[in-house]
Amino acid sequence: MLLLCPNTPILATCSSIGNQLAAATATDGNYGGINKSCFHMEKQALLHFKASLQDPLGQLSTWRPAEDDDCCQWSGITCNNHTGHVTKLHLSSNPFKGLGGEVSPSLLHLTYLNPLDLSRN
């Protein structure tokens, strides 16, 4: 990243902003905390979770492994608008035809998840 600043006393402030942007890029994988899609690790965690379930109603049919498929757009998923991290998983269902199976430990990779709603399954 190249940040051009005039050679004035404001240079220290400009250098500080450049360092902050570089740090945000290194930690978030994006500039300024704005992410265009979900994080790869979180997407993989959700796909592993889906694989451990039976889904007779097709509730998770939008969850696809395609490279260009954004998990923040999947049904039941909410992501933080600024970071792109998965923050909510709402999969409440009909108790007679809902999701079945085991809760995969892959959900532990969703470190920003709160709440997790699997009620009525």
C-alpha atoms as a PDB file:
ATOM      1  CA  MET A   1       0.000   0.000   0.000  1.00  0.00           C
ATOM      2  CA  LEU A   2       1.279   3.449  -0.875  1.00  0.00           C
ATOM      3  CA  LEU A   3       0.051   6.437   1.123  1.00  0.00           C
ATOM      4  CA  LEU A   4       1.190   9.815  -0.205  1.00  0.00           C
ATOM      5  CA  CYS A   5       1.291  12.732   2.202  1.00  0.00           C
ATOM      6  CA  PRO A   6       2.663  16.251   1.859  1.00  0.00           C
ATOM      7  CA  ASN A   7       5.942  17.034   3.591  1.00  0.00           C
ATOM      8  CA  THR A   8       4.362  19.088   6.368  1.00  0.00           C
ATOM      9  CA  PRO A   9       3.978  18.786  10.158  1.00  0.00           C
ATOM     10  CA  ILE A  10       0.899  16.670   9.400  1.00  0.00           C
ATOM     11  CA  LEU A  11       3.267  13.928   8.129  1.00  0.00           C
ATOM     12  CA  ALA A  12       3.273  12.178  11.514  1.00  0.00           C
ATOM     13  CA  THR A  13      -0.520  11.956  11.408  1.00  0.00           C
ATOM     14  CA  CYS A  14      -0.427  10.704   7.833  1.00  0.00           C
ATOM     15  CA  SER A  15       2.114   8.015   8.751  1.00  0.00           C
ATOM     16  CA  SER A  16      -0.080   6.965  11.672  1.00  0.00           C
ATOM     17  CA  ILE A  17      -3.119   6.560   9.401  1.00  0.00           C
ATOM     18  CA  GLY A  18      -1.054   4.462   6.988  1.00  0.00           C
ATOM     19  CA  ASN A  19       0.070   2.205   9.832  1.00  0.00           C
ATOM     20  CA  GLN A  20      -3.527   1.791  11.025  1.00  0.00           C
ATOM     21  CA  LEU A  21      -4.729   0.856   7.525  1.00  0.00           C
ATOM     22  CA  ALA A  22      -1.884  -1.621   7.124  1.00  0.00           C
ATOM     23  CA  ALA A  23      -2.722  -3.198  10.497  1.00  0.00           C
ATOM     24  CA  ALA A  24      -6.416  -3.458   9.585  1.00  0.00           C
ATOM     25  CA  THR A  25      -5.511  -5.093   6.301  1.00  0.00           C
ATOM     26  CA  ALA A  26      -3.199  -7.590   7.981  1.00  0.00           C
ATOM     27  CA  THR A  27      -5.787  -8.638  10.562  1.00  0.00           C
ATOM     28  CA  ASP A  28      -9.067  -8.407   8.634  1.00  0.00           C
ATOM     29  CA  GLY A  29      -7.971  -9.187   5.097  1.00  0.00           C
ATOM     30  CA  ASN A  30      -9.585  -5.965   3.966  1.00  0.00           C
ATOM     31  CA  TYR A  31      -9.124  -2.192   4.098  1.00  0.00           C
ATOM     32  CA  GLY A  32     -10.620  -0.157   6.906  1.00  0.00           C
ATOM     33  CA  GLY A  33     -12.561  -3.088   8.372  1.00  0.00           C
ATOM     34  CA  ILE A  34     -14.943  -3.315   5.391  1.00  0.00           C
ATOM     35  CA  ASN A  35     -15.238  -6.843   4.065  1.00  0.00           C
ATOM     36  CA  LYS A  36     -17.031  -7.660   0.818  1.00  0.00           C
ATOM     37  CA  SER A  37     -17.831 -11.258   1.823  1.00  0.00           C
ATOM     38  CA  CYS A  38     -17.518 -13.743   4.638  1.00  0.00           C
ATOM     39  CA  PHE A  39     -14.211 -15.114   5.836  1.00  0.00           C
ATOM     40  CA  HIS A  40     -13.044 -18.362   4.259  1.00  0.00           C
ATOM     41  CA  MET A  41     -12.511 -20.102   7.638  1.00  0.00           C
ATOM     42  CA  GLU A  42     -16.003 -19.168   8.812  1.00  0.00           C
ATOM     43  CA  LYS A  43     -17.539 -20.341   5.538  1.00  0.00           C
ATOM     44  CA  GLN A  44     -15.748 -23.688   5.860  1.00  0.00           C
ATOM     45  CA  ALA A  45     -16.945 -24.026   9.475  1.00  0.00           C
ATOM     46  CA  LEU A  46     -20.547 -23.476   8.362  1.00  0.00           C
ATOM     47  CA  LEU A  47     -20.212 -26.013   5.541  1.00  0.00           C
ATOM     48  CA  HIS A  48     -18.811 -28.621   7.989  1.00  0.00           C
ATOM     49  CA  PHE A  49     -21.714 -27.871  10.312  1.00  0.00           C
ATOM     50  CA  LYS A  50     -24.185 -28.363   7.431  1.00  0.00           C
ATOM     51  CA  ALA A  51     -22.541 -31.685   6.502  1.00  0.00           C
ATOM     52  CA  SER A  52     -23.246 -33.049  10.001  1.00  0.00           C
ATOM     53  CA  LEU A  53     -26.996 -32.365   9.716  1.00  0.00           C
ATOM     54  CA  GLN A  54     -30.080 -33.808   8.068  1.00  0.00           C
ATOM     55  CA  ASP A  55     -32.100 -31.048   6.423  1.00  0.00           C
ATOM     56  CA  PRO A  56     -35.428 -32.513   5.188  1.00  0.00           C
ATOM     57  CA  LEU A  57     -36.960 -29.103   4.414  1.00  0.00           C
ATOM     58  CA  GLY A  58     -33.919 -27.772   2.537  1.00  0.00           C
ATOM     59  CA  GLN A  59     -33.493 -24.987   5.075  1.00  0.00           C
ATOM     60  CA  LEU A  60     -29.759 -24.858   4.300  1.00  0.00           C
ATOM     61  CA  SER A  61     -30.109 -25.070   0.507  1.00  0.00           C
ATOM     62  CA  THR A  62     -28.523 -21.629   0.059  1.00  0.00           C
ATOM     63  CA  TRP A  63     -25.352 -22.853   1.799  1.00  0.00           C
ATOM     64  CA  ARG A  64     -23.118 -23.738  -1.161  1.00  0.00           C
ATOM     65  CA  PRO A  65     -19.354 -24.287  -1.332  1.00  0.00           C
ATOM     66  CA  ALA A  66     -18.885 -22.284  -4.558  1.00  0.00           C
ATOM     67  CA  GLU A  67     -15.861 -19.988  -4.312  1.00  0.00           C
ATOM     68  CA  ASP A  68     -17.878 -16.877  -5.205  1.00  0.00           C
ATOM     69  CA  ASP A  69     -20.747 -17.745  -2.849  1.00  0.00           C
ATOM     70  CA  ASP A  70     -20.883 -15.325   0.099  1.00  0.00           C
ATOM     71  CA  CYS A  71     -21.930 -17.040   3.346  1.00  0.00           C
ATOM     72  CA  CYS A  72     -23.163 -13.689   4.682  1.00  0.00           C
ATOM     73  CA  GLN A  73     -25.985 -14.026   2.129  1.00  0.00           C
ATOM     74  CA  TRP A  74     -27.007 -17.540   3.226  1.00  0.00           C
ATOM     75  CA  SER A  75     -30.351 -18.076   4.961  1.00  0.00           C
ATOM     76  CA  GLY A  76     -30.121 -17.967   8.736  1.00  0.00           C
ATOM     77  CA  ILE A  77     -26.730 -16.198   8.732  1.00  0.00           C
ATOM     78  CA  THR A  78     -26.077 -12.638   9.878  1.00  0.00           C
ATOM     79  CA  CYS A  79     -22.675 -11.003   9.470  1.00  0.00           C
ATOM     80  CA  ASN A  80     -21.267  -7.822  10.943  1.00  0.00           C
ATOM     81  CA  ASN A  81     -21.532  -5.106   8.269  1.00  0.00           C
ATOM     82  CA  HIS A  82     -18.104  -3.679   9.112  1.00  0.00           C
ATOM     83  CA  THR A  83     -15.976  -6.765   9.718  1.00  0.00           C
ATOM     84  CA  GLY A  84     -17.710  -9.463   7.669  1.00  0.00           C
ATOM     85  CA  HIS A  85     -17.570 -11.925  10.579  1.00  0.00           C
ATOM     86  CA  VAL A  86     -20.514 -14.259  11.133  1.00  0.00           C
ATOM     87  CA  THR A  87     -22.291 -12.948  14.237  1.00  0.00           C
ATOM     88  CA  LYS A  88     -25.672 -14.721  14.295  1.00  0.00           C
ATOM     89  CA  LEU A  89     -26.922 -18.145  13.300  1.00  0.00           C
ATOM     90  CA  HIS A  90     -30.718 -18.400  13.431  1.00  0.00           C
ATOM     91  CA  LEU A  91     -31.958 -21.832  12.354  1.00  0.00           C
ATOM     92  CA  SER A  92     -35.165 -22.186  14.345  1.00  0.00           C
ATOM     93  CA  SER A  93     -37.483 -24.625  12.588  1.00  0.00           C
ATOM     94  CA  ASN A  94     -40.568 -26.789  12.658  1.00  0.00           C
ATOM     95  CA  PRO A  95     -39.959 -29.323  15.468  1.00  0.00           C
ATOM     96  CA  PHE A  96     -41.363 -32.223  13.425  1.00  0.00           C
ATOM     97  CA  LYS A  97     -39.477 -31.612  10.182  1.00  0.00           C
ATOM     98  CA  GLY A  98     -36.556 -29.467  11.267  1.00  0.00           C
ATOM     99  CA  LEU A  99     -32.831 -30.024  11.232  1.00  0.00           C
ATOM    100  CA  GLY A 100     -31.481 -33.200  12.791  1.00  0.00           C
ATOM    101  CA  GLY A 101     -28.069 -34.590  13.618  1.00  0.00           C
ATOM    102  CA  GLU A 102     -25.179 -33.484  15.772  1.00  0.00           C
ATOM    103  CA  VAL A 103     -23.828 -30.009  16.377  1.00  0.00           C
ATOM    104  CA  SER A 104     -20.410 -29.986  14.745  1.00  0.00           C
ATOM    105  CA  PRO A 105     -17.443 -28.670  16.737  1.00  0.00           C
ATOM    106  CA  SER A 106     -16.604 -26.666  13.603  1.00  0.00           C
ATOM    107  CA  LEU A 107     -18.871 -23.958  15.036  1.00  0.00           C
ATOM    108  CA  LEU A 108     -16.058 -23.181  17.466  1.00  0.00           C
ATOM    109  CA  HIS A 109     -14.370 -21.391  14.545  1.00  0.00           C
ATOM    110  CA  LEU A 110     -17.194 -18.840  14.570  1.00  0.00           C
ATOM    111  CA  THR A 111     -15.606 -16.816  17.364  1.00  0.00           C
ATOM    112  CA  TYR A 112     -17.902 -13.799  16.878  1.00  0.00           C
ATOM    113  CA  LEU A 113     -21.097 -15.865  16.968  1.00  0.00           C
ATOM    114  CA  ASN A 114     -23.704 -14.674  19.454  1.00  0.00           C
ATOM    115  CA  PRO A 115     -26.492 -15.858  19.437  1.00  0.00           C
ATOM    116  CA  LEU A 116     -26.834 -19.372  18.089  1.00  0.00           C
ATOM    117  CA  ASP A 117     -30.498 -20.319  17.723  1.00  0.00           C
ATOM    118  CA  LEU A 118     -31.220 -23.973  16.937  1.00  0.00           C
ATOM    119  CA  SER A 119     -34.547 -24.029  18.736  1.00  0.00           C
ATOM    120  CA  ARG A 120     -37.433 -26.220  17.571  1.00  0.00           C
ATOM    121  CA  ASN A 121     -35.245 -28.716  15.713  1.00  0.00           C
END
